[in-house]
Amino acid sequence: MASWILVGAALLAAAAALARARRVSKQLVRLRESYWDLRYELGQLQARVVRLEADRPDQTPAAPTVAAAPNFVPLSSLRR
């Protein structure tokens, strides 16, 4: 009798875990969609800002700043 109770409890726990995994999976899909929507909107807004800055006649357009890349050091030069 005790083994049947354990089997029933294990089945209930497995069903609960499966239901939770499905909910989390759906939530992950929604979060991914939201992430890509926000990335798209950010790109659109950045393009709009660039266009608006270029249309302003009272201000010269600023040159885009480029981050300094780290210097390349070949590993063979470090070995002696």
C-alpha atoms as a PDB file:
ATOM      1  CA  MET A   1       0.000   0.000   0.000  1.00  0.00           C
ATOM      2  CA  ALA A   2       2.813   2.410   0.829  1.00  0.00           C
ATOM      3  CA  SER A   3       4.404   1.849  -2.561  1.00  0.00           C
ATOM      4  CA  TRP A   4       1.166   2.891  -4.315  1.00  0.00           C
ATOM      5  CA  ILE A   5       1.086   6.081  -2.272  1.00  0.00           C
ATOM      6  CA  LEU A   6       4.674   6.791  -3.300  1.00  0.00           C
ATOM      7  CA  VAL A   7       3.841   6.122  -6.946  1.00  0.00           C
ATOM      8  CA  GLY A   8       0.845   8.461  -6.747  1.00  0.00           C
ATOM      9  CA  ALA A   9       2.908  11.179  -5.111  1.00  0.00           C
ATOM     10  CA  ALA A  10       5.617  10.793  -7.755  1.00  0.00           C
ATOM     11  CA  LEU A  11       3.038  11.069 -10.549  1.00  0.00           C
ATOM     12  CA  LEU A  12       1.566  14.206  -8.973  1.00  0.00           C
ATOM     13  CA  ALA A  13       5.015  15.741  -8.621  1.00  0.00           C
ATOM     14  CA  ALA A  14       5.850  14.896 -12.245  1.00  0.00           C
ATOM     15  CA  ALA A  15       2.584  16.414 -13.477  1.00  0.00           C
ATOM     16  CA  ALA A  16       3.209  19.587 -11.464  1.00  0.00           C
ATOM     17  CA  ALA A  17       6.773  19.841 -12.822  1.00  0.00           C
ATOM     18  CA  LEU A  18       5.543  19.372 -16.386  1.00  0.00           C
ATOM     19  CA  ALA A  19       2.891  22.063 -15.973  1.00  0.00           C
ATOM     20  CA  ARG A  20       5.436  24.476 -14.531  1.00  0.00           C
ATOM     21  CA  ALA A  21       7.914  23.750 -17.334  1.00  0.00           C
ATOM     22  CA  ARG A  22       5.232  24.529 -19.924  1.00  0.00           C
ATOM     23  CA  ARG A  23       4.372  27.833 -18.218  1.00  0.00           C
ATOM     24  CA  VAL A  24       8.034  28.828 -18.021  1.00  0.00           C
ATOM     25  CA  SER A  25       8.525  27.889 -21.672  1.00  0.00           C
ATOM     26  CA  LYS A  26       5.637  30.130 -22.752  1.00  0.00           C
ATOM     27  CA  GLN A  27       6.988  32.949 -20.610  1.00  0.00           C
ATOM     28  CA  LEU A  28      10.413  32.562 -22.220  1.00  0.00           C
ATOM     29  CA  VAL A  29       8.867  32.829 -25.684  1.00  0.00           C
ATOM     30  CA  ARG A  30       7.086  36.048 -24.671  1.00  0.00           C
ATOM     31  CA  LEU A  31      10.290  37.485 -23.209  1.00  0.00           C
ATOM     32  CA  ARG A  32      12.249  36.697 -26.386  1.00  0.00           C
ATOM     33  CA  GLU A  33       9.595  38.383 -28.528  1.00  0.00           C
ATOM     34  CA  SER A  34       9.650  41.431 -26.269  1.00  0.00           C
ATOM     35  CA  TYR A  35      13.441  41.568 -26.435  1.00  0.00           C
ATOM     36  CA  TRP A  36      13.511  41.548 -30.232  1.00  0.00           C
ATOM     37  CA  ASP A  37      10.669  44.072 -30.423  1.00  0.00           C
ATOM     38  CA  LEU A  38      12.620  46.416 -28.170  1.00  0.00           C
ATOM     39  CA  ARG A  39      15.811  45.924 -30.193  1.00  0.00           C
ATOM     40  CA  TYR A  40      13.890  46.809 -33.370  1.00  0.00           C
ATOM     41  CA  GLU A  41      12.360  49.900 -31.756  1.00  0.00           C
ATOM     42  CA  LEU A  42      15.788  50.989 -30.491  1.00  0.00           C
ATOM     43  CA  GLY A  43      17.214  50.762 -34.003  1.00  0.00           C
ATOM     44  CA  GLN A  44      14.286  52.752 -35.378  1.00  0.00           C
ATOM     45  CA  LEU A  45      14.697  55.450 -32.731  1.00  0.00           C
ATOM     46  CA  GLN A  46      18.447  55.677 -33.286  1.00  0.00           C
ATOM     47  CA  ALA A  47      17.915  56.103 -37.029  1.00  0.00           C
ATOM     48  CA  ARG A  48      15.310  58.770 -36.342  1.00  0.00           C
ATOM     49  CA  VAL A  49      17.677  60.662 -34.044  1.00  0.00           C
ATOM     50  CA  VAL A  50      20.421  60.554 -36.675  1.00  0.00           C
ATOM     51  CA  ARG A  51      18.006  61.898 -39.297  1.00  0.00           C
ATOM     52  CA  LEU A  52      16.803  64.659 -36.983  1.00  0.00           C
ATOM     53  CA  GLU A  53      20.365  65.691 -36.131  1.00  0.00           C
ATOM     54  CA  ALA A  54      21.275  65.765 -39.806  1.00  0.00           C
ATOM     55  CA  ASP A  55      18.267  68.003 -40.604  1.00  0.00           C
ATOM     56  CA  ARG A  56      19.264  70.683 -38.088  1.00  0.00           C
ATOM     57  CA  PRO A  57      20.915  73.513 -40.026  1.00  0.00           C
ATOM     58  CA  ASP A  58      22.178  75.375 -36.944  1.00  0.00           C
ATOM     59  CA  GLN A  59      24.488  72.589 -35.883  1.00  0.00           C
ATOM     60  CA  THR A  60      27.228  70.846 -37.792  1.00  0.00           C
ATOM     61  CA  PRO A  61      26.872  67.075 -37.777  1.00  0.00           C
ATOM     62  CA  ALA A  62      29.197  65.439 -35.330  1.00  0.00           C
ATOM     63  CA  ALA A  63      31.542  62.816 -36.624  1.00  0.00           C
ATOM     64  CA  PRO A  64      30.709  59.381 -35.302  1.00  0.00           C
ATOM     65  CA  THR A  65      33.012  58.362 -32.517  1.00  0.00           C
ATOM     66  CA  VAL A  66      34.820  55.087 -32.888  1.00  0.00           C
ATOM     67  CA  ALA A  67      35.927  53.240 -29.802  1.00  0.00           C
ATOM     68  CA  ALA A  68      39.644  52.585 -29.724  1.00  0.00           C
ATOM     69  CA  ALA A  69      40.316  48.951 -30.467  1.00  0.00           C
ATOM     70  CA  PRO A  70      42.792  47.208 -28.200  1.00  0.00           C
ATOM     71  CA  ASN A  71      46.183  46.695 -29.744  1.00  0.00           C
ATOM     72  CA  PHE A  72      46.807  43.259 -31.174  1.00  0.00           C
ATOM     73  CA  VAL A  73      49.662  41.437 -29.532  1.00  0.00           C
ATOM     74  CA  PRO A  74      50.599  38.121 -31.152  1.00  0.00           C
ATOM     75  CA  LEU A  75      51.194  35.333 -28.702  1.00  0.00           C
ATOM     76  CA  SER A  76      54.441  34.398 -30.413  1.00  0.00           C
ATOM     77  CA  SER A  77      55.947  37.737 -29.321  1.00  0.00           C
ATOM     78  CA  LEU A  78      55.168  36.940 -25.691  1.00  0.00           C
ATOM     79  CA  ARG A  79      56.936  33.583 -25.814  1.00  0.00           C
ATOM     80  CA  ARG A  80      60.732  33.711 -25.514  1.00  0.00           C
END
